[in-house]
Amino acid sequence: MPDPSPSAASLDELRRRVRRLEGALAPGRAVLPFGVEEIDARLPGGGLVLGALHEVAPGGVRLADRSAATLFCAGIAARTKGSVLWCVARQDLFAPGLHQAGLSHGRVLFVEAGEDRGVLACFEEGLRHGGLGAVVAEVARLSMTASRRLQLAAERSGVLALALRPSPEEDAGLPTASLTRWRVVSDASVPLVVPGLGAGRWRLELVRCRGAEPAAFEVEAVDGSGRLSLSAPLADRSAAPQVARQRA
């Protein structure tokens, strides 16, 4: 009578299928590093996995927080190669702001879908098309089923998928198939020795990441090349106690 127990090869194939469906990090996947050692060291593979879904949301309800989350996505997209598809329900993006984050208007294809369902459809179609550097979509609601479809489409094409959530309250804490979930809070700029505006500063939170622990970073806003840097006072470890006293 044949042995009904599954073979080792069958079990290995089943595990691979489960990892693929859940969007788990596979060895050798291409990544997009942030170029900041403290952040990249927290991410499996040393950066954001390409051909995968990542979520970004503002850390608060202020317009400054929403702007910071949008610019964070723009900075990531700016560092990919090729055109960027940006899907919105209604056109309310400030193109010069995206340009300051390194994403020139000549690289961006804007799609105004009118509603969340249309945005999701354009999001998935853009990922399936391939040939793009990234697809960014502003989606209020993202179910597990929809996120799995997006994750699978991104895996097949190798395109980076960024789901920009407009509010921290939308589906807060609900599971999705995204590999990472980020939260961005606009913070006070670094004081200058002379009157004027210092560099913008964010609190960047890695809320969830498959294969890694949550983390938080104080960073300066993305520059004209889409890159982040650690906040100047915190990059100098000797200044950390003074910063802590000022906050207290």
C-alpha atoms as a PDB file:
ATOM      1  CA  MET A   1       0.000   0.000   0.000  1.00  0.00           C
ATOM      2  CA  PRO A   2       1.539   3.404  -0.968  1.00  0.00           C
ATOM      3  CA  ASP A   3       2.702   5.698   1.795  1.00  0.00           C
ATOM      4  CA  PRO A   4       0.079   8.504   2.134  1.00  0.00           C
ATOM      5  CA  SER A   5       2.524  10.896   3.807  1.00  0.00           C
ATOM      6  CA  PRO A   6       3.745  13.763   1.581  1.00  0.00           C
ATOM      7  CA  SER A   7       7.304  13.634   0.314  1.00  0.00           C
ATOM      8  CA  ALA A   8       9.919  16.211   1.282  1.00  0.00           C
ATOM      9  CA  ALA A   9       9.833  17.577  -2.274  1.00  0.00           C
ATOM     10  CA  SER A  10       6.057  18.067  -2.066  1.00  0.00           C
ATOM     11  CA  LEU A  11       6.362  19.881   1.245  1.00  0.00           C
ATOM     12  CA  ASP A  12       9.076  22.164  -0.133  1.00  0.00           C
ATOM     13  CA  GLU A  13       6.901  23.030  -3.142  1.00  0.00           C
ATOM     14  CA  LEU A  14       3.937  23.745  -0.850  1.00  0.00           C
ATOM     15  CA  ARG A  15       6.069  26.059   1.284  1.00  0.00           C
ATOM     16  CA  ARG A  16       7.232  27.927  -1.817  1.00  0.00           C
ATOM     17  CA  ARG A  17       3.638  28.424  -2.935  1.00  0.00           C
ATOM     18  CA  VAL A  18       2.598  29.700   0.476  1.00  0.00           C
ATOM     19  CA  ARG A  19       5.511  32.149   0.571  1.00  0.00           C
ATOM     20  CA  ARG A  20       4.603  33.366  -2.917  1.00  0.00           C
ATOM     21  CA  LEU A  21       0.961  33.916  -2.027  1.00  0.00           C
ATOM     22  CA  GLU A  22       1.802  35.692   1.209  1.00  0.00           C
ATOM     23  CA  GLY A  23       4.423  37.862  -0.469  1.00  0.00           C
ATOM     24  CA  ALA A  24       7.200  36.629   1.790  1.00  0.00           C
ATOM     25  CA  LEU A  25      10.754  37.762   1.141  1.00  0.00           C
ATOM     26  CA  ALA A  26      12.586  35.275  -1.062  1.00  0.00           C
ATOM     27  CA  PRO A  27      16.399  35.075  -1.117  1.00  0.00           C
ATOM     28  CA  GLY A  28      18.057  36.972  -3.938  1.00  0.00           C
ATOM     29  CA  ARG A  29      15.174  39.391  -4.578  1.00  0.00           C
ATOM     30  CA  ALA A  30      16.293  42.783  -5.892  1.00  0.00           C
ATOM     31  CA  VAL A  31      15.953  45.631  -3.410  1.00  0.00           C
ATOM     32  CA  LEU A  32      16.034  49.431  -3.445  1.00  0.00           C
ATOM     33  CA  PRO A  33      18.233  50.612  -0.553  1.00  0.00           C
ATOM     34  CA  PHE A  34      17.503  53.885   1.217  1.00  0.00           C
ATOM     35  CA  GLY A  35      21.233  54.548   1.456  1.00  0.00           C
ATOM     36  CA  VAL A  36      20.896  55.100   5.213  1.00  0.00           C
ATOM     37  CA  GLU A  37      22.660  52.311   7.082  1.00  0.00           C
ATOM     38  CA  GLU A  38      20.407  52.495  10.146  1.00  0.00           C
ATOM     39  CA  ILE A  39      17.276  52.002   8.001  1.00  0.00           C
ATOM     40  CA  ASP A  40      18.627  49.475   5.509  1.00  0.00           C
ATOM     41  CA  ALA A  41      19.991  47.307   8.328  1.00  0.00           C
ATOM     42  CA  ARG A  42      16.424  46.871   9.620  1.00  0.00           C
ATOM     43  CA  LEU A  43      15.103  45.593   6.279  1.00  0.00           C
ATOM     44  CA  PRO A  44      15.634  42.012   5.076  1.00  0.00           C
ATOM     45  CA  GLY A  45      17.872  42.222   2.042  1.00  0.00           C
ATOM     46  CA  GLY A  46      19.019  45.747   2.926  1.00  0.00           C
ATOM     47  CA  GLY A  47      16.245  47.780   1.295  1.00  0.00           C
ATOM     48  CA  LEU A  48      12.715  47.837  -0.080  1.00  0.00           C
ATOM     49  CA  VAL A  49      11.999  44.698  -2.092  1.00  0.00           C
ATOM     50  CA  LEU A  50      11.267  45.462  -5.744  1.00  0.00           C
ATOM     51  CA  GLY A  51       8.376  43.613  -7.308  1.00  0.00           C
ATOM     52  CA  ALA A  52       6.453  43.870  -4.052  1.00  0.00           C
ATOM     53  CA  LEU A  53       3.711  45.871  -2.355  1.00  0.00           C
ATOM     54  CA  HIS A  54       4.553  48.439   0.340  1.00  0.00           C
ATOM     55  CA  GLU A  55       2.142  50.657   2.299  1.00  0.00           C
ATOM     56  CA  VAL A  56       2.708  54.254   3.400  1.00  0.00           C
ATOM     57  CA  ALA A  57       0.394  56.337   5.590  1.00  0.00           C
ATOM     58  CA  PRO A  58       0.609  59.677   7.401  1.00  0.00           C
ATOM     59  CA  GLY A  59       1.110  59.392  11.140  1.00  0.00           C
ATOM     60  CA  GLY A  60      -1.522  62.025  11.884  1.00  0.00           C
ATOM     61  CA  VAL A  61      -4.413  63.964  10.418  1.00  0.00           C
ATOM     62  CA  ARG A  62      -2.464  67.163   9.760  1.00  0.00           C
ATOM     63  CA  LEU A  63      -1.903  68.292   6.194  1.00  0.00           C
ATOM     64  CA  ALA A  64       1.834  68.349   6.965  1.00  0.00           C
ATOM     65  CA  ASP A  65       1.741  64.635   7.791  1.00  0.00           C
ATOM     66  CA  ARG A  66      -0.127  63.793   4.593  1.00  0.00           C
ATOM     67  CA  SER A  67       2.352  65.858   2.582  1.00  0.00           C
ATOM     68  CA  ALA A  68       5.264  64.078   4.271  1.00  0.00           C
ATOM     69  CA  ALA A  69       3.816  60.652   3.399  1.00  0.00           C
ATOM     70  CA  THR A  70       3.318  61.740  -0.227  1.00  0.00           C
ATOM     71  CA  LEU A  71       6.874  63.076  -0.498  1.00  0.00           C
ATOM     72  CA  PHE A  72       8.226  59.899   1.096  1.00  0.00           C
ATOM     73  CA  CYS A  73       6.567  57.892  -1.705  1.00  0.00           C
ATOM     74  CA  ALA A  74       7.806  60.359  -4.309  1.00  0.00           C
ATOM     75  CA  GLY A  75      11.370  60.017  -3.037  1.00  0.00           C
ATOM     76  CA  ILE A  76      11.209  56.230  -3.258  1.00  0.00           C
ATOM     77  CA  ALA A  77       9.706  56.317  -6.755  1.00  0.00           C
ATOM     78  CA  ALA A  78      12.302  58.875  -7.854  1.00  0.00           C
ATOM     79  CA  ARG A  79      15.099  56.394  -7.135  1.00  0.00           C
ATOM     80  CA  THR A  80      13.650  53.714  -9.393  1.00  0.00           C
ATOM     81  CA  LYS A  81      14.387  53.503 -13.102  1.00  0.00           C
ATOM     82  CA  GLY A  82      11.775  54.304 -15.719  1.00  0.00           C
ATOM     83  CA  SER A  83       8.405  56.009 -15.714  1.00  0.00           C
ATOM     84  CA  VAL A  84       6.193  56.185 -12.638  1.00  0.00           C
ATOM     85  CA  LEU A  85       2.419  55.651 -12.761  1.00  0.00           C
ATOM     86  CA  TRP A  86       0.606  57.643 -10.044  1.00  0.00           C
ATOM     87  CA  CYS A  87      -3.082  56.757  -9.561  1.00  0.00           C
ATOM     88  CA  VAL A  88      -5.443  59.060  -7.653  1.00  0.00           C
ATOM     89  CA  ALA A  89      -9.184  59.385  -7.133  1.00  0.00           C
ATOM     90  CA  ARG A  90      -8.969  63.084  -7.929  1.00  0.00           C
ATOM     91  CA  GLN A  91      -6.058  65.201  -9.084  1.00  0.00           C
ATOM     92  CA  ASP A  92      -4.793  67.118  -6.064  1.00  0.00           C
ATOM     93  CA  LEU A  93      -1.055  66.524  -6.333  1.00  0.00           C
ATOM     94  CA  PHE A  94       1.384  69.448  -6.376  1.00  0.00           C
ATOM     95  CA  ALA A  95       3.825  68.576  -9.154  1.00  0.00           C
ATOM     96  CA  PRO A  96       6.542  71.068  -8.077  1.00  0.00           C
ATOM     97  CA  GLY A  97       6.551  69.394  -4.652  1.00  0.00           C
ATOM     98  CA  LEU A  98       7.142  65.986  -6.235  1.00  0.00           C
ATOM     99  CA  HIS A  99       9.915  67.537  -8.328  1.00  0.00           C
ATOM    100  CA  GLN A 100      11.627  68.806  -5.166  1.00  0.00           C
ATOM    101  CA  ALA A 101      11.585  65.205  -3.915  1.00  0.00           C
ATOM    102  CA  GLY A 102      13.480  64.131  -7.040  1.00  0.00           C
ATOM    103  CA  LEU A 103      10.493  62.978  -9.117  1.00  0.00           C
ATOM    104  CA  SER A 104      10.400  65.156 -12.238  1.00  0.00           C
ATOM    105  CA  HIS A 105       7.057  65.664 -13.959  1.00  0.00           C
ATOM    106  CA  GLY A 106       8.449  64.207 -17.172  1.00  0.00           C
ATOM    107  CA  ARG A 107       8.669  60.773 -15.546  1.00  0.00           C
ATOM    108  CA  VAL A 108       5.171  60.699 -14.047  1.00  0.00           C
ATOM    109  CA  LEU A 109       1.996  59.439 -15.693  1.00  0.00           C
ATOM    110  CA  PHE A 110      -1.026  60.604 -13.692  1.00  0.00           C
ATOM    111  CA  VAL A 111      -4.308  58.675 -13.728  1.00  0.00           C
ATOM    112  CA  GLU A 112      -7.445  60.213 -12.195  1.00  0.00           C
ATOM    113  CA  ALA A 113      -9.802  57.288 -11.518  1.00  0.00           C
ATOM    114  CA  GLY A 114     -12.630  59.043  -9.663  1.00  0.00           C
ATOM    115  CA  GLU A 115     -13.171  56.406  -6.964  1.00  0.00           C
ATOM    116  CA  ASP A 116     -11.298  53.867  -4.868  1.00  0.00           C
ATOM    117  CA  ARG A 117     -12.407  50.909  -6.990  1.00  0.00           C
ATOM    118  CA  GLY A 118     -11.111  52.576 -10.127  1.00  0.00           C
ATOM    119  CA  VAL A 119      -7.823  53.453  -8.430  1.00  0.00           C
ATOM    120  CA  LEU A 120      -7.301  49.811  -7.425  1.00  0.00           C
ATOM    121  CA  ALA A 121      -8.082  48.640 -10.965  1.00  0.00           C
ATOM    122  CA  CYS A 122      -5.544  51.086 -12.455  1.00  0.00           C
ATOM    123  CA  PHE A 123      -3.045  50.141  -9.748  1.00  0.00           C
ATOM    124  CA  GLU A 124      -3.220  46.450 -10.643  1.00  0.00           C
ATOM    125  CA  GLU A 125      -3.240  47.065 -14.405  1.00  0.00           C
ATOM    126  CA  GLY A 126      -0.160  49.278 -14.123  1.00  0.00           C
ATOM    127  CA  LEU A 127       1.682  46.582 -12.190  1.00  0.00           C
ATOM    128  CA  ARG A 128       0.706  43.894 -14.668  1.00  0.00           C
ATOM    129  CA  HIS A 129       1.830  46.038 -17.608  1.00  0.00           C
ATOM    130  CA  GLY A 130       5.434  46.071 -16.416  1.00  0.00           C
ATOM    131  CA  GLY A 131       8.113  48.320 -17.859  1.00  0.00           C
ATOM    132  CA  LEU A 132       7.566  50.929 -15.129  1.00  0.00           C
ATOM    133  CA  GLY A 133       9.855  51.979 -12.336  1.00  0.00           C
ATOM    134  CA  ALA A 134       7.058  52.146  -9.781  1.00  0.00           C
ATOM    135  CA  VAL A 135       3.298  52.424  -9.421  1.00  0.00           C
ATOM    136  CA  VAL A 136       1.936  54.668  -6.667  1.00  0.00           C
ATOM    137  CA  ALA A 137      -1.762  54.615  -5.826  1.00  0.00           C
ATOM    138  CA  GLU A 138      -3.728  56.556  -3.217  1.00  0.00           C
ATOM    139  CA  VAL A 139      -6.154  53.997  -1.790  1.00  0.00           C
ATOM    140  CA  ALA A 140      -8.403  54.599   1.205  1.00  0.00           C
ATOM    141  CA  ARG A 141      -9.373  50.963   1.709  1.00  0.00           C
ATOM    142  CA  LEU A 142      -7.187  47.965   0.990  1.00  0.00           C
ATOM    143  CA  SER A 143      -8.599  44.517   1.692  1.00  0.00           C
ATOM    144  CA  MET A 144      -6.542  41.353   2.043  1.00  0.00           C
ATOM    145  CA  THR A 145      -7.925  40.075  -1.268  1.00  0.00           C
ATOM    146  CA  ALA A 146      -7.072  43.281  -3.140  1.00  0.00           C
ATOM    147  CA  SER A 147      -3.608  43.489  -1.582  1.00  0.00           C
ATOM    148  CA  ARG A 148      -2.844  39.881  -2.541  1.00  0.00           C
ATOM    149  CA  ARG A 149      -3.792  40.614  -6.149  1.00  0.00           C
ATOM    150  CA  LEU A 150      -1.496  43.641  -6.126  1.00  0.00           C
ATOM    151  CA  GLN A 151       1.324  41.691  -4.505  1.00  0.00           C
ATOM    152  CA  LEU A 152       1.112  38.907  -7.090  1.00  0.00           C
ATOM    153  CA  ALA A 153       0.963  41.411  -9.956  1.00  0.00           C
ATOM    154  CA  ALA A 154       4.039  43.200  -8.602  1.00  0.00           C
ATOM    155  CA  GLU A 155       5.940  39.931  -8.210  1.00  0.00           C
ATOM    156  CA  ARG A 156       5.246  38.902 -11.787  1.00  0.00           C
ATOM    157  CA  SER A 157       6.311  42.219 -13.316  1.00  0.00           C
ATOM    158  CA  GLY A 158       9.069  43.177 -10.870  1.00  0.00           C
ATOM    159  CA  VAL A 159       7.562  46.678 -10.487  1.00  0.00           C
ATOM    160  CA  LEU A 160       7.661  48.417  -7.109  1.00  0.00           C
ATOM    161  CA  ALA A 161       4.129  48.980  -5.752  1.00  0.00           C
ATOM    162  CA  LEU A 162       3.421  51.770  -3.242  1.00  0.00           C
ATOM    163  CA  ALA A 163      -0.034  52.023  -1.666  1.00  0.00           C
ATOM    164  CA  LEU A 164      -0.393  55.531  -0.239  1.00  0.00           C
ATOM    165  CA  ARG A 165      -3.101  55.546   2.405  1.00  0.00           C
ATOM    166  CA  PRO A 166      -4.654  59.021   2.898  1.00  0.00           C
ATOM    167  CA  SER A 167      -5.463  58.606   6.587  1.00  0.00           C
ATOM    168  CA  PRO A 168      -3.957  56.653   9.510  1.00  0.00           C
ATOM    169  CA  GLU A 169      -7.460  55.628  10.571  1.00  0.00           C
ATOM    170  CA  GLU A 170      -8.353  53.844   7.323  1.00  0.00           C
ATOM    171  CA  ASP A 171      -8.157  50.095   7.964  1.00  0.00           C
ATOM    172  CA  ALA A 172      -5.707  50.773  10.809  1.00  0.00           C
ATOM    173  CA  GLY A 173      -4.165  47.523  11.962  1.00  0.00           C
ATOM    174  CA  LEU A 174      -6.060  45.330   9.466  1.00  0.00           C
ATOM    175  CA  PRO A 175      -3.836  42.706   7.819  1.00  0.00           C
ATOM    176  CA  THR A 176      -2.771  43.049   4.198  1.00  0.00           C
ATOM    177  CA  ALA A 177      -0.319  41.241   1.937  1.00  0.00           C
ATOM    178  CA  SER A 178       2.119  44.171   1.817  1.00  0.00           C
ATOM    179  CA  LEU A 179       5.722  43.425   2.743  1.00  0.00           C
ATOM    180  CA  THR A 180       6.198  46.647   4.688  1.00  0.00           C
ATOM    181  CA  ARG A 181       3.964  49.277   6.255  1.00  0.00           C
ATOM    182  CA  TRP A 182       5.353  52.761   6.954  1.00  0.00           C
ATOM    183  CA  ARG A 183       4.024  55.756   8.858  1.00  0.00           C
ATOM    184  CA  VAL A 184       5.388  59.288   8.353  1.00  0.00           C
ATOM    185  CA  VAL A 185       4.976  62.186  10.783  1.00  0.00           C
ATOM    186  CA  SER A 186       6.126  65.727  10.029  1.00  0.00           C
ATOM    187  CA  ASP A 187       8.342  67.030  12.836  1.00  0.00           C
ATOM    188  CA  ALA A 188       9.799  70.433  13.686  1.00  0.00           C
ATOM    189  CA  SER A 189      12.744  71.428  11.522  1.00  0.00           C
ATOM    190  CA  VAL A 190      16.233  71.551  12.960  1.00  0.00           C
ATOM    191  CA  PRO A 191      16.923  74.970  14.577  1.00  0.00           C
ATOM    192  CA  LEU A 192      19.467  77.130  12.770  1.00  0.00           C
ATOM    193  CA  VAL A 193      22.107  79.355  14.320  1.00  0.00           C
ATOM    194  CA  VAL A 194      20.721  82.209  12.216  1.00  0.00           C
ATOM    195  CA  PRO A 195      17.058  83.139  11.597  1.00  0.00           C
ATOM    196  CA  GLY A 196      15.426  81.076   8.853  1.00  0.00           C
ATOM    197  CA  LEU A 197      13.852  77.724   8.062  1.00  0.00           C
ATOM    198  CA  GLY A 198      15.855  74.593   8.683  1.00  0.00           C
ATOM    199  CA  ALA A 199      15.614  71.362   6.758  1.00  0.00           C
ATOM    200  CA  GLY A 200      12.309  69.524   7.028  1.00  0.00           C
ATOM    201  CA  ARG A 201      12.336  66.639   9.465  1.00  0.00           C
ATOM    202  CA  TRP A 202      10.192  63.515   9.737  1.00  0.00           C
ATOM    203  CA  ARG A 203       9.588  60.747  12.191  1.00  0.00           C
ATOM    204  CA  LEU A 204       9.655  57.649  10.011  1.00  0.00           C
ATOM    205  CA  GLU A 205       8.085  54.536  11.519  1.00  0.00           C
ATOM    206  CA  LEU A 206       8.450  51.034  10.146  1.00  0.00           C
ATOM    207  CA  VAL A 207       5.181  49.744  11.580  1.00  0.00           C
ATOM    208  CA  ARG A 208       5.334  46.269  10.071  1.00  0.00           C
ATOM    209  CA  CYS A 209       7.851  44.327   8.018  1.00  0.00           C
ATOM    210  CA  ARG A 210       7.888  40.648   7.155  1.00  0.00           C
ATOM    211  CA  GLY A 211      10.990  39.146   8.726  1.00  0.00           C
ATOM    212  CA  ALA A 212      11.939  42.217  10.782  1.00  0.00           C
ATOM    213  CA  GLU A 213      10.996  44.108  13.919  1.00  0.00           C
ATOM    214  CA  PRO A 214       9.218  47.508  13.960  1.00  0.00           C
ATOM    215  CA  ALA A 215      11.503  50.542  14.204  1.00  0.00           C
ATOM    216  CA  ALA A 216      11.435  54.343  14.190  1.00  0.00           C
ATOM    217  CA  PHE A 217      13.884  56.890  12.793  1.00  0.00           C
ATOM    218  CA  GLU A 218      14.307  60.655  12.953  1.00  0.00           C
ATOM    219  CA  VAL A 219      15.219  61.713   9.428  1.00  0.00           C
ATOM    220  CA  GLU A 220      15.525  64.824   7.330  1.00  0.00           C
ATOM    221  CA  ALA A 221      13.025  65.081   4.479  1.00  0.00           C
ATOM    222  CA  VAL A 222      13.990  63.729   1.071  1.00  0.00           C
ATOM    223  CA  ASP A 223      16.293  65.916  -0.991  1.00  0.00           C
ATOM    224  CA  GLY A 224      16.285  66.693  -4.702  1.00  0.00           C
ATOM    225  CA  SER A 225      17.511  63.182  -5.504  1.00  0.00           C
ATOM    226  CA  GLY A 226      14.828  61.449  -3.438  1.00  0.00           C
ATOM    227  CA  ARG A 227      17.207  60.461  -0.660  1.00  0.00           C
ATOM    228  CA  LEU A 228      16.751  60.574   3.092  1.00  0.00           C
ATOM    229  CA  SER A 229      19.358  61.262   5.736  1.00  0.00           C
ATOM    230  CA  LEU A 230      19.412  60.930   9.481  1.00  0.00           C
ATOM    231  CA  SER A 231      18.422  64.092  11.302  1.00  0.00           C
ATOM    232  CA  ALA A 232      21.610  66.073  11.884  1.00  0.00           C
ATOM    233  CA  PRO A 233      21.416  66.310  15.719  1.00  0.00           C
ATOM    234  CA  LEU A 234      20.744  62.560  15.976  1.00  0.00           C
ATOM    235  CA  ALA A 235      23.420  61.567  13.476  1.00  0.00           C
ATOM    236  CA  ASP A 236      25.917  62.981  15.991  1.00  0.00           C
ATOM    237  CA  ARG A 237      25.580  60.548  18.904  1.00  0.00           C
ATOM    238  CA  SER A 238      27.172  63.056  21.268  1.00  0.00           C
ATOM    239  CA  ALA A 239      24.203  65.374  20.748  1.00  0.00           C
ATOM    240  CA  ALA A 240      21.587  62.737  21.623  1.00  0.00           C
ATOM    241  CA  PRO A 241      21.405  63.530  25.378  1.00  0.00           C
ATOM    242  CA  GLN A 242      20.990  67.260  24.632  1.00  0.00           C
ATOM    243  CA  VAL A 243      18.174  66.540  22.159  1.00  0.00           C
ATOM    244  CA  ALA A 244      16.456  64.324  24.720  1.00  0.00           C
ATOM    245  CA  ARG A 245      16.643  67.100  27.359  1.00  0.00           C
ATOM    246  CA  GLN A 246      15.208  69.644  24.906  1.00  0.00           C
ATOM    247  CA  ARG A 247      12.262  67.346  24.161  1.00  0.00           C
ATOM    248  CA  ALA A 248      11.686  66.707  27.853  1.00  0.00           C
END
